[in-house]
Amino acid sequence: MAARLKLIRLALFGSPVSRSLSPRIHGQFARQSGIEIEYRAVESTAGALAGHLQEMAAEGARGCNITVPLKHRACELATRLSARARQAGAVNTLRFDREDEWFGDNTDGAGLLRDLRANLDIPVEGRRVLVLGAGGAACGILYDLMQQQPAQLVLANRTREKADGLAGRFCHIGHLQSAAFSDLERLSPFDLVLNATSAGHQGKLPPLTATLFAPASVCYDLNYGMAHEVLAQWCAEHGIACHDGLGMLVEQAAESFLLWTGQRPDTLPVIEALKPGAQR
């Protein structure tokens, strides 16, 4: 185990944050690494965020995570951005390099890809990929997905205009096709379907049909827990392999931890410990 370092102060800002798994995840990362951290979950609004961050930076904190609905505001407040955060217009990780220098990154896409490739052995390069939803969740993963050069990448939304607008922001990186949900039948099938909608939080399905999937296709839900259950049941009924976003949650957190500490934690034990039924 590495020698213990000076206490690192961290936090999560958003609303709501009371049920966030982030403090537990980073606590396990810290124990692995022999690093002492203080990680707080703090309710905040867009109007209050700047003050919260200034206070943390002035007190010598290392950085923080940002969750909904504050990722766009955090992007505005960062003094320097990674390419993927700039492209997304959203930040989920801040590192305080100095009291007045805040580096902003978005680790969602990197976390997704690491879960797909390293944990689940699901390739993206050369595959036909569909992203359902054109909101903040999709925005955070498109840059990293496009870097993998899929054979086809389709972004679909209930309203075509919203998909067109988001695709237009990324078109200089590579080919990204926008579509309405009603267009998907003629574009099918896909090798990988990524659910980036929030339908599961209302106990609803995204607009899926069995024709979207080829015989060996995979469905990946960026949601996890109860928000994943309705999609998992639908996939099981149709014989489609399906994975939730718990691995992505842990992997994107690992990217943040690496940014703050220079150490990459072992994520698989943490993922296993967070699965339903695992001993706490």
C-alpha atoms as a PDB file:
ATOM      1  CA  MET A   1       0.000   0.000   0.000  1.00  0.00           C
ATOM      2  CA  ALA A   2       1.230   3.486  -0.823  1.00  0.00           C
ATOM      3  CA  ALA A   3       2.410   5.732   1.975  1.00  0.00           C
ATOM      4  CA  ARG A   4      -0.289   7.958   3.379  1.00  0.00           C
ATOM      5  CA  LEU A   5      -0.447  11.433   1.921  1.00  0.00           C
ATOM      6  CA  LYS A   6      -1.709  14.686   3.334  1.00  0.00           C
ATOM      7  CA  LEU A   7      -5.493  14.860   3.781  1.00  0.00           C
ATOM      8  CA  ILE A   8      -7.213  15.611   0.489  1.00  0.00           C
ATOM      9  CA  ARG A   9     -10.459  17.540   0.753  1.00  0.00           C
ATOM     10  CA  LEU A  10     -13.073  16.822  -1.910  1.00  0.00           C
ATOM     11  CA  ALA A  11     -16.802  17.291  -2.381  1.00  0.00           C
ATOM     12  CA  LEU A  12     -19.786  16.633  -4.609  1.00  0.00           C
ATOM     13  CA  PHE A  13     -22.135  19.476  -5.527  1.00  0.00           C
ATOM     14  CA  GLY A  14     -25.582  19.076  -7.035  1.00  0.00           C
ATOM     15  CA  SER A  15     -29.231  18.598  -6.174  1.00  0.00           C
ATOM     16  CA  PRO A  16     -30.244  16.119  -4.960  1.00  0.00           C
ATOM     17  CA  VAL A  17     -27.064  14.489  -3.603  1.00  0.00           C
ATOM     18  CA  SER A  18     -28.219  12.802  -0.401  1.00  0.00           C
ATOM     19  CA  ARG A  19     -28.369   9.353  -2.012  1.00  0.00           C
ATOM     20  CA  SER A  20     -25.268   9.696  -4.139  1.00  0.00           C
ATOM     21  CA  LEU A  21     -22.871   6.752  -4.166  1.00  0.00           C
ATOM     22  CA  SER A  22     -19.899   9.034  -4.819  1.00  0.00           C
ATOM     23  CA  PRO A  23     -18.751   9.397  -1.176  1.00  0.00           C
ATOM     24  CA  ARG A  24     -18.768   5.616  -0.794  1.00  0.00           C
ATOM     25  CA  ILE A  25     -16.958   5.065  -4.092  1.00  0.00           C
ATOM     26  CA  HIS A  26     -14.202   7.568  -3.388  1.00  0.00           C
ATOM     27  CA  GLY A  27     -13.869   6.293   0.153  1.00  0.00           C
ATOM     28  CA  GLN A  28     -13.071   2.833  -1.233  1.00  0.00           C
ATOM     29  CA  PHE A  29     -10.633   4.303  -3.765  1.00  0.00           C
ATOM     30  CA  ALA A  30      -8.859   6.164  -0.966  1.00  0.00           C
ATOM     31  CA  ARG A  31      -8.522   3.055   1.195  1.00  0.00           C
ATOM     32  CA  GLN A  32      -7.021   1.151  -1.734  1.00  0.00           C
ATOM     33  CA  SER A  33      -4.513   3.916  -2.382  1.00  0.00           C
ATOM     34  CA  GLY A  34      -3.564   4.639   1.213  1.00  0.00           C
ATOM     35  CA  ILE A  35      -4.746   8.218   0.800  1.00  0.00           C
ATOM     36  CA  GLU A  36      -6.714  10.043   3.467  1.00  0.00           C
ATOM     37  CA  ILE A  37      -9.622  12.010   2.016  1.00  0.00           C
ATOM     38  CA  GLU A  38     -12.586  13.999   3.212  1.00  0.00           C
ATOM     39  CA  TYR A  39     -15.408  13.757   0.664  1.00  0.00           C
ATOM     40  CA  ARG A  40     -18.650  15.619   1.350  1.00  0.00           C
ATOM     41  CA  ALA A  41     -21.937  15.674  -0.568  1.00  0.00           C
ATOM     42  CA  VAL A  42     -23.292  19.222  -0.626  1.00  0.00           C
ATOM     43  CA  GLU A  43     -26.641  20.451  -1.884  1.00  0.00           C
ATOM     44  CA  SER A  44     -26.184  23.497  -4.090  1.00  0.00           C
ATOM     45  CA  THR A  45     -27.927  25.648  -6.669  1.00  0.00           C
ATOM     46  CA  ALA A  46     -26.497  27.272  -9.784  1.00  0.00           C
ATOM     47  CA  GLY A  47     -26.573  30.622  -8.038  1.00  0.00           C
ATOM     48  CA  ALA A  48     -24.704  29.353  -4.978  1.00  0.00           C
ATOM     49  CA  LEU A  49     -22.147  27.173  -6.745  1.00  0.00           C
ATOM     50  CA  ALA A  50     -19.505  29.842  -7.368  1.00  0.00           C
ATOM     51  CA  GLY A  51     -19.443  30.742  -3.682  1.00  0.00           C
ATOM     52  CA  HIS A  52     -19.163  27.103  -2.625  1.00  0.00           C
ATOM     53  CA  LEU A  53     -16.269  26.508  -5.006  1.00  0.00           C
ATOM     54  CA  GLN A  54     -14.426  29.681  -4.031  1.00  0.00           C
ATOM     55  CA  GLU A  55     -14.666  28.688  -0.388  1.00  0.00           C
ATOM     56  CA  MET A  56     -13.326  25.200  -1.072  1.00  0.00           C
ATOM     57  CA  ALA A  57     -10.454  26.465  -3.217  1.00  0.00           C
ATOM     58  CA  ALA A  58      -9.501  29.092  -0.625  1.00  0.00           C
ATOM     59  CA  GLU A  59      -9.376  26.410   2.073  1.00  0.00           C
ATOM     60  CA  GLY A  60      -6.935  24.305   0.057  1.00  0.00           C
ATOM     61  CA  ALA A  61      -9.295  21.626  -1.236  1.00  0.00           C
ATOM     62  CA  ARG A  62      -8.046  19.497  -4.135  1.00  0.00           C
ATOM     63  CA  GLY A  63     -11.249  19.502  -6.196  1.00  0.00           C
ATOM     64  CA  CYS A  64     -14.820  18.351  -6.492  1.00  0.00           C
ATOM     65  CA  ASN A  65     -17.389  16.477  -8.525  1.00  0.00           C
ATOM     66  CA  ILE A  66     -20.394  18.194 -10.055  1.00  0.00           C
ATOM     67  CA  THR A  67     -23.683  16.481 -10.775  1.00  0.00           C
ATOM     68  CA  VAL A  68     -27.079  17.552 -12.099  1.00  0.00           C
ATOM     69  CA  PRO A  69     -28.233  20.211 -12.504  1.00  0.00           C
ATOM     70  CA  LEU A  70     -24.942  22.102 -12.148  1.00  0.00           C
ATOM     71  CA  LYS A  71     -22.635  20.700 -14.837  1.00  0.00           C
ATOM     72  CA  HIS A  72     -23.170  23.564 -17.279  1.00  0.00           C
ATOM     73  CA  ARG A  73     -22.634  26.157 -14.554  1.00  0.00           C
ATOM     74  CA  ALA A  74     -19.410  24.433 -13.502  1.00  0.00           C
ATOM     75  CA  CYS A  75     -18.229  24.635 -17.111  1.00  0.00           C
ATOM     76  CA  GLU A  76     -18.769  28.399 -17.027  1.00  0.00           C
ATOM     77  CA  LEU A  77     -16.822  28.735 -13.777  1.00  0.00           C
ATOM     78  CA  ALA A  78     -13.764  26.674 -14.774  1.00  0.00           C
ATOM     79  CA  THR A  79     -10.761  28.747 -15.852  1.00  0.00           C
ATOM     80  CA  ARG A  80      -9.409  25.962 -18.070  1.00  0.00           C
ATOM     81  CA  LEU A  81     -11.213  23.059 -19.757  1.00  0.00           C
ATOM     82  CA  SER A  82     -10.314  19.698 -21.244  1.00  0.00           C
ATOM     83  CA  ALA A  83     -11.269  19.263 -24.899  1.00  0.00           C
ATOM     84  CA  ARG A  84     -14.091  16.884 -24.027  1.00  0.00           C
ATOM     85  CA  ALA A  85     -15.532  19.215 -21.368  1.00  0.00           C
ATOM     86  CA  ARG A  86     -15.364  22.161 -23.752  1.00  0.00           C
ATOM     87  CA  GLN A  87     -17.142  20.146 -26.428  1.00  0.00           C
ATOM     88  CA  ALA A  88     -19.854  18.963 -24.054  1.00  0.00           C
ATOM     89  CA  GLY A  89     -20.266  22.357 -22.448  1.00  0.00           C
ATOM     90  CA  ALA A  90     -20.494  20.487 -19.156  1.00  0.00           C
ATOM     91  CA  VAL A  91     -18.082  19.681 -16.323  1.00  0.00           C
ATOM     92  CA  ASN A  92     -18.421  16.878 -13.788  1.00  0.00           C
ATOM     93  CA  THR A  93     -14.931  17.194 -12.276  1.00  0.00           C
ATOM     94  CA  LEU A  94     -13.021  20.245 -11.103  1.00  0.00           C
ATOM     95  CA  ARG A  95      -9.411  20.278  -9.923  1.00  0.00           C
ATOM     96  CA  PHE A  96      -8.196  23.316  -8.033  1.00  0.00           C
ATOM     97  CA  ASP A  97      -4.679  23.845  -9.373  1.00  0.00           C
ATOM     98  CA  ARG A  98      -4.494  27.142  -7.487  1.00  0.00           C
ATOM     99  CA  GLU A  99      -7.024  29.178  -5.583  1.00  0.00           C
ATOM    100  CA  ASP A 100      -7.921  31.024  -8.788  1.00  0.00           C
ATOM    101  CA  GLU A 101      -7.158  28.292 -11.357  1.00  0.00           C
ATOM    102  CA  TRP A 102      -9.826  25.619 -11.751  1.00  0.00           C
ATOM    103  CA  PHE A 103      -9.383  22.872 -14.348  1.00  0.00           C
ATOM    104  CA  GLY A 104     -12.659  21.399 -15.576  1.00  0.00           C
ATOM    105  CA  ASP A 105     -13.088  17.961 -17.117  1.00  0.00           C
ATOM    106  CA  ASN A 106     -15.950  15.658 -18.081  1.00  0.00           C
ATOM    107  CA  THR A 107     -15.132  12.039 -17.264  1.00  0.00           C
ATOM    108  CA  ASP A 108     -18.481  10.482 -18.246  1.00  0.00           C
ATOM    109  CA  GLY A 109     -17.446   9.331 -21.715  1.00  0.00           C
ATOM    110  CA  ALA A 110     -14.123   7.928 -20.535  1.00  0.00           C
ATOM    111  CA  GLY A 111     -15.931   6.069 -17.761  1.00  0.00           C
ATOM    112  CA  LEU A 112     -18.428   4.602 -20.200  1.00  0.00           C
ATOM    113  CA  LEU A 113     -15.749   3.414 -22.597  1.00  0.00           C
ATOM    114  CA  ARG A 114     -13.616   1.868 -19.878  1.00  0.00           C
ATOM    115  CA  ASP A 115     -16.624  -0.080 -18.598  1.00  0.00           C
ATOM    116  CA  LEU A 116     -17.533  -1.224 -22.102  1.00  0.00           C
ATOM    117  CA  ARG A 117     -14.057  -2.255 -23.188  1.00  0.00           C
ATOM    118  CA  ALA A 118     -12.153  -3.239 -20.046  1.00  0.00           C
ATOM    119  CA  ASN A 119     -14.954  -4.673 -17.909  1.00  0.00           C
ATOM    120  CA  LEU A 120     -17.519  -5.964 -20.412  1.00  0.00           C
ATOM    121  CA  ASP A 121     -15.352  -6.637 -23.485  1.00  0.00           C
ATOM    122  CA  ILE A 122     -17.753  -4.701 -25.738  1.00  0.00           C
ATOM    123  CA  PRO A 123     -15.955  -2.955 -28.613  1.00  0.00           C
ATOM    124  CA  VAL A 124     -17.070   0.326 -30.152  1.00  0.00           C
ATOM    125  CA  GLU A 125     -14.615   0.710 -33.025  1.00  0.00           C
ATOM    126  CA  GLY A 126     -16.131  -0.391 -36.315  1.00  0.00           C
ATOM    127  CA  ARG A 127     -19.549  -1.089 -34.757  1.00  0.00           C
ATOM    128  CA  ARG A 128     -22.979   0.355 -35.468  1.00  0.00           C
ATOM    129  CA  VAL A 129     -23.892   2.386 -32.383  1.00  0.00           C
ATOM    130  CA  LEU A 130     -27.164   4.057 -31.419  1.00  0.00           C
ATOM    131  CA  VAL A 131     -27.474   6.652 -28.634  1.00  0.00           C
ATOM    132  CA  LEU A 132     -31.029   7.187 -27.418  1.00  0.00           C
ATOM    133  CA  GLY A 133     -31.620  10.675 -26.024  1.00  0.00           C
ATOM    134  CA  ALA A 134     -30.064  14.061 -26.765  1.00  0.00           C
ATOM    135  CA  GLY A 135     -29.914  15.542 -23.271  1.00  0.00           C
ATOM    136  CA  GLY A 136     -27.070  16.047 -20.832  1.00  0.00           C
ATOM    137  CA  ALA A 137     -26.234  12.348 -20.487  1.00  0.00           C
ATOM    138  CA  ALA A 138     -25.700  11.964 -24.226  1.00  0.00           C
ATOM    139  CA  CYS A 139     -23.776  15.216 -24.409  1.00  0.00           C
ATOM    140  CA  GLY A 140     -21.229  13.911 -21.917  1.00  0.00           C
ATOM    141  CA  ILE A 141     -20.368  10.725 -23.842  1.00  0.00           C
ATOM    142  CA  LEU A 142     -20.404  11.733 -27.525  1.00  0.00           C
ATOM    143  CA  TYR A 143     -16.861  13.122 -27.711  1.00  0.00           C
ATOM    144  CA  ASP A 144     -15.264   9.944 -26.365  1.00  0.00           C
ATOM    145  CA  LEU A 145     -17.542   7.700 -28.440  1.00  0.00           C
ATOM    146  CA  MET A 146     -16.602   9.492 -31.637  1.00  0.00           C
ATOM    147  CA  GLN A 147     -12.894   9.116 -30.857  1.00  0.00           C
ATOM    148  CA  GLN A 148     -13.396   5.333 -31.115  1.00  0.00           C
ATOM    149  CA  GLN A 149     -14.445   5.603 -34.779  1.00  0.00           C
ATOM    150  CA  PRO A 150     -17.588   3.469 -34.821  1.00  0.00           C
ATOM    151  CA  ALA A 151     -18.756   2.408 -38.269  1.00  0.00           C
ATOM    152  CA  GLN A 152     -22.014   4.276 -37.657  1.00  0.00           C
ATOM    153  CA  LEU A 153     -23.075   6.534 -34.816  1.00  0.00           C
ATOM    154  CA  VAL A 154     -26.703   7.627 -34.648  1.00  0.00           C
ATOM    155  CA  LEU A 155     -28.076  10.079 -32.103  1.00  0.00           C
ATOM    156  CA  ALA A 156     -31.855   9.766 -31.768  1.00  0.00           C
ATOM    157  CA  ASN A 157     -34.318  11.850 -29.801  1.00  0.00           C
ATOM    158  CA  ARG A 158     -38.077  12.198 -29.548  1.00  0.00           C
ATOM    159  CA  THR A 159     -37.807  15.596 -31.224  1.00  0.00           C
ATOM    160  CA  ARG A 160     -35.541  15.575 -34.276  1.00  0.00           C
ATOM    161  CA  GLU A 161     -34.624  19.240 -33.789  1.00  0.00           C
ATOM    162  CA  LYS A 162     -32.898  18.576 -30.468  1.00  0.00           C
ATOM    163  CA  ALA A 163     -30.900  15.699 -31.947  1.00  0.00           C
ATOM    164  CA  ASP A 164     -29.951  17.888 -34.923  1.00  0.00           C
ATOM    165  CA  GLY A 165     -28.751  20.653 -32.639  1.00  0.00           C
ATOM    166  CA  LEU A 166     -26.560  18.391 -30.515  1.00  0.00           C
ATOM    167  CA  ALA A 167     -25.166  16.573 -33.553  1.00  0.00           C
ATOM    168  CA  GLY A 168     -24.278  19.926 -35.087  1.00  0.00           C
ATOM    169  CA  ARG A 169     -22.044  20.715 -32.118  1.00  0.00           C
ATOM    170  CA  PHE A 170     -20.009  17.539 -32.686  1.00  0.00           C
ATOM    171  CA  CYS A 171     -19.982  17.291 -36.481  1.00  0.00           C
ATOM    172  CA  HIS A 172     -16.428  18.668 -36.815  1.00  0.00           C
ATOM    173  CA  ILE A 173     -15.073  15.672 -34.866  1.00  0.00           C
ATOM    174  CA  GLY A 174     -16.491  13.014 -37.168  1.00  0.00           C
ATOM    175  CA  HIS A 175     -19.680  11.676 -38.667  1.00  0.00           C
ATOM    176  CA  LEU A 176     -22.656  11.720 -36.329  1.00  0.00           C
ATOM    177  CA  GLN A 177     -26.107  11.095 -37.747  1.00  0.00           C
ATOM    178  CA  SER A 178     -29.131  12.616 -36.025  1.00  0.00           C
ATOM    179  CA  ALA A 179     -32.591  11.092 -36.130  1.00  0.00           C
ATOM    180  CA  ALA A 180     -35.994  11.132 -34.528  1.00  0.00           C
ATOM    181  CA  PHE A 181     -37.156   8.016 -32.714  1.00  0.00           C
ATOM    182  CA  SER A 182     -39.602   7.476 -35.577  1.00  0.00           C
ATOM    183  CA  ASP A 183     -36.664   7.177 -38.019  1.00  0.00           C
ATOM    184  CA  LEU A 184     -34.991   4.255 -36.289  1.00  0.00           C
ATOM    185  CA  GLU A 185     -36.784   1.390 -38.022  1.00  0.00           C
ATOM    186  CA  ARG A 186     -35.172   2.264 -41.363  1.00  0.00           C
ATOM    187  CA  LEU A 187     -31.722   2.721 -39.772  1.00  0.00           C
ATOM    188  CA  SER A 188     -31.687  -0.561 -37.836  1.00  0.00           C
ATOM    189  CA  PRO A 189     -30.180  -2.840 -36.720  1.00  0.00           C
ATOM    190  CA  PHE A 190     -27.388  -1.703 -34.382  1.00  0.00           C
ATOM    191  CA  ASP A 191     -24.601  -3.605 -32.632  1.00  0.00           C
ATOM    192  CA  LEU A 192     -24.718  -1.444 -29.503  1.00  0.00           C
ATOM    193  CA  VAL A 193     -27.681   0.562 -28.206  1.00  0.00           C
ATOM    194  CA  LEU A 194     -26.907   3.092 -25.466  1.00  0.00           C
ATOM    195  CA  ASN A 195     -29.847   4.387 -23.454  1.00  0.00           C
ATOM    196  CA  ALA A 196     -29.099   7.966 -22.421  1.00  0.00           C
ATOM    197  CA  THR A 197     -32.724   8.898 -21.736  1.00  0.00           C
ATOM    198  CA  SER A 198     -34.187   9.495 -18.283  1.00  0.00           C
ATOM    199  CA  ALA A 199     -37.283   7.369 -18.986  1.00  0.00           C
ATOM    200  CA  GLY A 200     -36.304   4.765 -16.413  1.00  0.00           C
ATOM    201  CA  HIS A 201     -36.527   7.310 -13.608  1.00  0.00           C
ATOM    202  CA  GLN A 202     -40.252   7.516 -14.354  1.00  0.00           C
ATOM    203  CA  GLY A 203     -40.546   3.740 -14.617  1.00  0.00           C
ATOM    204  CA  LYS A 204     -40.899   3.956 -18.400  1.00  0.00           C
ATOM    205  CA  LEU A 205     -39.121   2.400 -21.350  1.00  0.00           C
ATOM    206  CA  PRO A 206     -37.196   4.331 -23.960  1.00  0.00           C
ATOM    207  CA  PRO A 207     -38.653   3.785 -27.467  1.00  0.00           C
ATOM    208  CA  LEU A 208     -37.291   0.302 -28.146  1.00  0.00           C
ATOM    209  CA  THR A 209     -38.317  -2.362 -30.620  1.00  0.00           C
ATOM    210  CA  ALA A 210     -36.668  -5.734 -31.148  1.00  0.00           C
ATOM    211  CA  THR A 211     -35.792  -4.727 -34.734  1.00  0.00           C
ATOM    212  CA  LEU A 212     -33.212  -2.255 -33.399  1.00  0.00           C
ATOM    213  CA  PHE A 213     -31.027  -5.172 -32.375  1.00  0.00           C
ATOM    214  CA  ALA A 214     -29.000  -7.617 -34.440  1.00  0.00           C
ATOM    215  CA  PRO A 215     -28.689 -11.212 -33.110  1.00  0.00           C
ATOM    216  CA  ALA A 216     -25.545 -10.438 -31.074  1.00  0.00           C
ATOM    217  CA  SER A 217     -26.415  -6.859 -30.157  1.00  0.00           C
ATOM    218  CA  VAL A 218     -25.989  -5.371 -26.688  1.00  0.00           C
ATOM    219  CA  CYS A 219     -28.050  -2.791 -24.844  1.00  0.00           C
ATOM    220  CA  TYR A 220     -26.256  -0.568 -22.322  1.00  0.00           C
ATOM    221  CA  ASP A 221     -28.233   1.640 -19.970  1.00  0.00           C
ATOM    222  CA  LEU A 222     -26.470   4.689 -18.541  1.00  0.00           C
ATOM    223  CA  ASN A 223     -28.922   4.390 -15.636  1.00  0.00           C
ATOM    224  CA  TYR A 224     -28.545   1.931 -12.758  1.00  0.00           C
ATOM    225  CA  GLY A 225     -30.525   0.756  -9.767  1.00  0.00           C
ATOM    226  CA  MET A 226     -34.295   1.126  -9.895  1.00  0.00           C
ATOM    227  CA  ALA A 227     -34.068   3.395 -12.946  1.00  0.00           C
ATOM    228  CA  HIS A 228     -32.611   0.463 -14.892  1.00  0.00           C
ATOM    229  CA  GLU A 229     -35.146  -2.183 -13.914  1.00  0.00           C
ATOM    230  CA  VAL A 230     -37.817  -1.630 -16.572  1.00  0.00           C
ATOM    231  CA  LEU A 231     -35.260  -1.726 -19.395  1.00  0.00           C
ATOM    232  CA  ALA A 232     -33.554  -4.797 -17.935  1.00  0.00           C
ATOM    233  CA  GLN A 233     -36.889  -6.617 -17.824  1.00  0.00           C
ATOM    234  CA  TRP A 234     -37.722  -5.681 -21.433  1.00  0.00           C
ATOM    235  CA  CYS A 235     -34.336  -6.896 -22.666  1.00  0.00           C
ATOM    236  CA  ALA A 236     -34.662 -10.157 -20.742  1.00  0.00           C
ATOM    237  CA  GLU A 237     -38.075 -10.771 -22.310  1.00  0.00           C
ATOM    238  CA  HIS A 238     -36.597 -10.243 -25.789  1.00  0.00           C
ATOM    239  CA  GLY A 239     -33.392 -12.203 -25.246  1.00  0.00           C
ATOM    240  CA  ILE A 240     -31.130  -9.137 -25.561  1.00  0.00           C
ATOM    241  CA  ALA A 241     -27.929  -8.791 -23.530  1.00  0.00           C
ATOM    242  CA  CYS A 242     -28.255  -5.773 -21.257  1.00  0.00           C
ATOM    243  CA  HIS A 243     -25.936  -3.971 -18.835  1.00  0.00           C
ATOM    244  CA  ASP A 244     -26.594  -1.147 -16.413  1.00  0.00           C
ATOM    245  CA  GLY A 245     -24.493   1.967 -15.859  1.00  0.00           C
ATOM    246  CA  LEU A 246     -23.086   1.095 -12.441  1.00  0.00           C
ATOM    247  CA  GLY A 247     -19.715   0.279 -13.984  1.00  0.00           C
ATOM    248  CA  MET A 248     -19.717   3.598 -15.820  1.00  0.00           C
ATOM    249  CA  LEU A 249     -20.464   5.409 -12.553  1.00  0.00           C
ATOM    250  CA  VAL A 250     -17.463   3.818 -10.851  1.00  0.00           C
ATOM    251  CA  GLU A 251     -15.163   4.213 -13.851  1.00  0.00           C
ATOM    252  CA  GLN A 252     -15.933   7.901 -14.326  1.00  0.00           C
ATOM    253  CA  ALA A 253     -15.269   8.382 -10.616  1.00  0.00           C
ATOM    254  CA  ALA A 254     -11.920   6.622 -11.066  1.00  0.00           C
ATOM    255  CA  GLU A 255     -11.044   9.140 -13.788  1.00  0.00           C
ATOM    256  CA  SER A 256     -11.778  11.948 -11.328  1.00  0.00           C
ATOM    257  CA  PHE A 257      -9.709  10.267  -8.615  1.00  0.00           C
ATOM    258  CA  LEU A 258      -6.794   9.928 -11.033  1.00  0.00           C
ATOM    259  CA  LEU A 259      -7.069  13.608 -11.930  1.00  0.00           C
ATOM    260  CA  TRP A 260      -6.926  14.628  -8.258  1.00  0.00           C
ATOM    261  CA  THR A 261      -4.329  12.171  -6.931  1.00  0.00           C
ATOM    262  CA  GLY A 262      -2.324  10.790  -9.863  1.00  0.00           C
ATOM    263  CA  GLN A 263      -3.388   7.266  -8.875  1.00  0.00           C
ATOM    264  CA  ARG A 264      -5.825   5.024 -10.738  1.00  0.00           C
ATOM    265  CA  PRO A 265      -7.805   2.795  -8.376  1.00  0.00           C
ATOM    266  CA  ASP A 266      -8.803  -0.812  -8.972  1.00  0.00           C
ATOM    267  CA  THR A 267     -12.435  -0.427  -9.972  1.00  0.00           C
ATOM    268  CA  LEU A 268     -13.686  -4.003 -10.220  1.00  0.00           C
ATOM    269  CA  PRO A 269     -13.850  -4.655  -6.443  1.00  0.00           C
ATOM    270  CA  VAL A 270     -15.744  -1.392  -6.009  1.00  0.00           C
ATOM    271  CA  ILE A 271     -18.237  -2.271  -8.739  1.00  0.00           C
ATOM    272  CA  GLU A 272     -18.820  -5.669  -7.144  1.00  0.00           C
ATOM    273  CA  ALA A 273     -19.275  -4.143  -3.701  1.00  0.00           C
ATOM    274  CA  LEU A 274     -21.976  -1.790  -5.015  1.00  0.00           C
ATOM    275  CA  LYS A 275     -24.067  -4.409  -6.768  1.00  0.00           C
ATOM    276  CA  PRO A 276     -27.434  -5.226  -5.186  1.00  0.00           C
ATOM    277  CA  GLY A 277     -27.083  -7.969  -2.628  1.00  0.00           C
ATOM    278  CA  ALA A 278     -23.370  -7.376  -2.022  1.00  0.00           C
ATOM    279  CA  GLN A 279     -22.306  -7.266   1.598  1.00  0.00           C
ATOM    280  CA  ARG A 280     -21.723  -3.736   2.807  1.00  0.00           C
END
